[in-house]
């Protein structure tokens, strides 16, 4: 993750704001909650995606 992206996500968490991004080629809208590391030590963000595209269907089957 680039430092500018990390900084923007950090600021969104502190300001309780949503983020719009492109991840794996899909536009997503999400609320970031935690910045940390994954099992391999790479930076990772825990976020709730509430809109945008996904590679899977929604649980309620509406997408």
C-alpha atoms as a PDB file:
ATOM      1  CA  UNK A   1       0.000   0.000   0.000  1.00  0.00           C
ATOM      2  CA  UNK A   2       1.435   3.394  -0.925  1.00  0.00           C
ATOM      3  CA  UNK A   3       2.126   5.925   1.817  1.00  0.00           C
ATOM      4  CA  UNK A   4      -0.348   8.383   0.275  1.00  0.00           C
ATOM      5  CA  UNK A   5      -3.117   5.753   0.317  1.00  0.00           C
ATOM      6  CA  UNK A   6      -2.255   4.790   3.885  1.00  0.00           C
ATOM      7  CA  UNK A   7      -2.356   8.451   4.936  1.00  0.00           C
ATOM      8  CA  UNK A   8      -5.745   8.989   3.226  1.00  0.00           C
ATOM      9  CA  UNK A   9      -7.231   5.882   4.866  1.00  0.00           C
ATOM     10  CA  UNK A  10      -5.823   6.880   8.265  1.00  0.00           C
ATOM     11  CA  UNK A  11      -7.387  10.331   7.948  1.00  0.00           C
ATOM     12  CA  UNK A  12     -10.726   8.806   6.915  1.00  0.00           C
ATOM     13  CA  UNK A  13     -10.695   6.567   9.999  1.00  0.00           C
ATOM     14  CA  UNK A  14      -9.915   9.495  12.300  1.00  0.00           C
ATOM     15  CA  UNK A  15     -12.630  11.663  10.686  1.00  0.00           C
ATOM     16  CA  UNK A  16     -15.171   8.808  10.537  1.00  0.00           C
ATOM     17  CA  UNK A  17     -15.488   9.213   6.750  1.00  0.00           C
ATOM     18  CA  UNK A  18     -16.085   6.813   3.904  1.00  0.00           C
ATOM     19  CA  UNK A  19     -13.543   6.040   1.187  1.00  0.00           C
ATOM     20  CA  UNK A  20     -14.082   5.440  -2.526  1.00  0.00           C
ATOM     21  CA  UNK A  21     -11.383   3.359  -4.178  1.00  0.00           C
ATOM     22  CA  UNK A  22     -10.589   0.855  -6.898  1.00  0.00           C
ATOM     23  CA  UNK A  23      -9.524  -2.537  -5.548  1.00  0.00           C
ATOM     24  CA  UNK A  24      -8.805  -5.504  -7.799  1.00  0.00           C
ATOM     25  CA  UNK A  25     -10.167  -3.505 -10.745  1.00  0.00           C
ATOM     26  CA  UNK A  26     -13.547  -2.801  -9.136  1.00  0.00           C
ATOM     27  CA  UNK A  27     -14.895   0.506  -7.810  1.00  0.00           C
ATOM     28  CA  UNK A  28     -15.827   0.196  -4.137  1.00  0.00           C
ATOM     29  CA  UNK A  29     -17.242   2.410  -1.398  1.00  0.00           C
ATOM     30  CA  UNK A  30     -16.218   1.473   2.095  1.00  0.00           C
ATOM     31  CA  UNK A  31     -15.837   2.574   5.692  1.00  0.00           C
ATOM     32  CA  UNK A  32     -12.319   1.794   6.920  1.00  0.00           C
ATOM     33  CA  UNK A  33     -12.005   0.795  10.588  1.00  0.00           C
ATOM     34  CA  UNK A  34      -8.518  -0.529  11.346  1.00  0.00           C
ATOM     35  CA  UNK A  35      -5.089  -0.390   9.709  1.00  0.00           C
ATOM     36  CA  UNK A  36      -2.791  -3.250  10.647  1.00  0.00           C
ATOM     37  CA  UNK A  37      -0.871  -6.142   9.157  1.00  0.00           C
ATOM     38  CA  UNK A  38      -1.919  -9.475   7.731  1.00  0.00           C
ATOM     39  CA  UNK A  39      -0.353 -12.853   8.590  1.00  0.00           C
ATOM     40  CA  UNK A  40       2.558 -12.243   6.216  1.00  0.00           C
ATOM     41  CA  UNK A  41       3.303  -8.822   7.726  1.00  0.00           C
ATOM     42  CA  UNK A  42       1.931  -6.738   4.849  1.00  0.00           C
ATOM     43  CA  UNK A  43      -0.165  -3.663   5.619  1.00  0.00           C
ATOM     44  CA  UNK A  44      -3.888  -4.367   5.550  1.00  0.00           C
ATOM     45  CA  UNK A  45      -7.104  -2.436   6.141  1.00  0.00           C
ATOM     46  CA  UNK A  46     -10.202  -3.799   7.831  1.00  0.00           C
ATOM     47  CA  UNK A  47     -13.172  -2.057   6.196  1.00  0.00           C
ATOM     48  CA  UNK A  48     -16.899  -2.482   5.658  1.00  0.00           C
ATOM     49  CA  UNK A  49     -17.892  -2.279   1.979  1.00  0.00           C
ATOM     50  CA  UNK A  50     -21.380  -0.825   1.644  1.00  0.00           C
ATOM     51  CA  UNK A  51     -21.595   0.004  -2.073  1.00  0.00           C
ATOM     52  CA  UNK A  52     -19.828  -0.435  -5.370  1.00  0.00           C
ATOM     53  CA  UNK A  53     -18.778  -3.517  -7.261  1.00  0.00           C
ATOM     54  CA  UNK A  54     -17.795  -6.897  -5.891  1.00  0.00           C
ATOM     55  CA  UNK A  55     -16.530 -10.149  -7.328  1.00  0.00           C
ATOM     56  CA  UNK A  56     -19.303 -11.981  -5.427  1.00  0.00           C
ATOM     57  CA  UNK A  57     -23.027 -11.572  -5.009  1.00  0.00           C
ATOM     58  CA  UNK A  58     -24.440  -9.902  -1.910  1.00  0.00           C
ATOM     59  CA  UNK A  59     -25.606 -12.279   0.802  1.00  0.00           C
ATOM     60  CA  UNK A  60     -29.233 -11.313   0.221  1.00  0.00           C
ATOM     61  CA  UNK A  61     -28.831 -12.029  -3.504  1.00  0.00           C
ATOM     62  CA  UNK A  62     -29.730  -8.507  -4.623  1.00  0.00           C
ATOM     63  CA  UNK A  63     -26.557  -7.839  -6.622  1.00  0.00           C
END
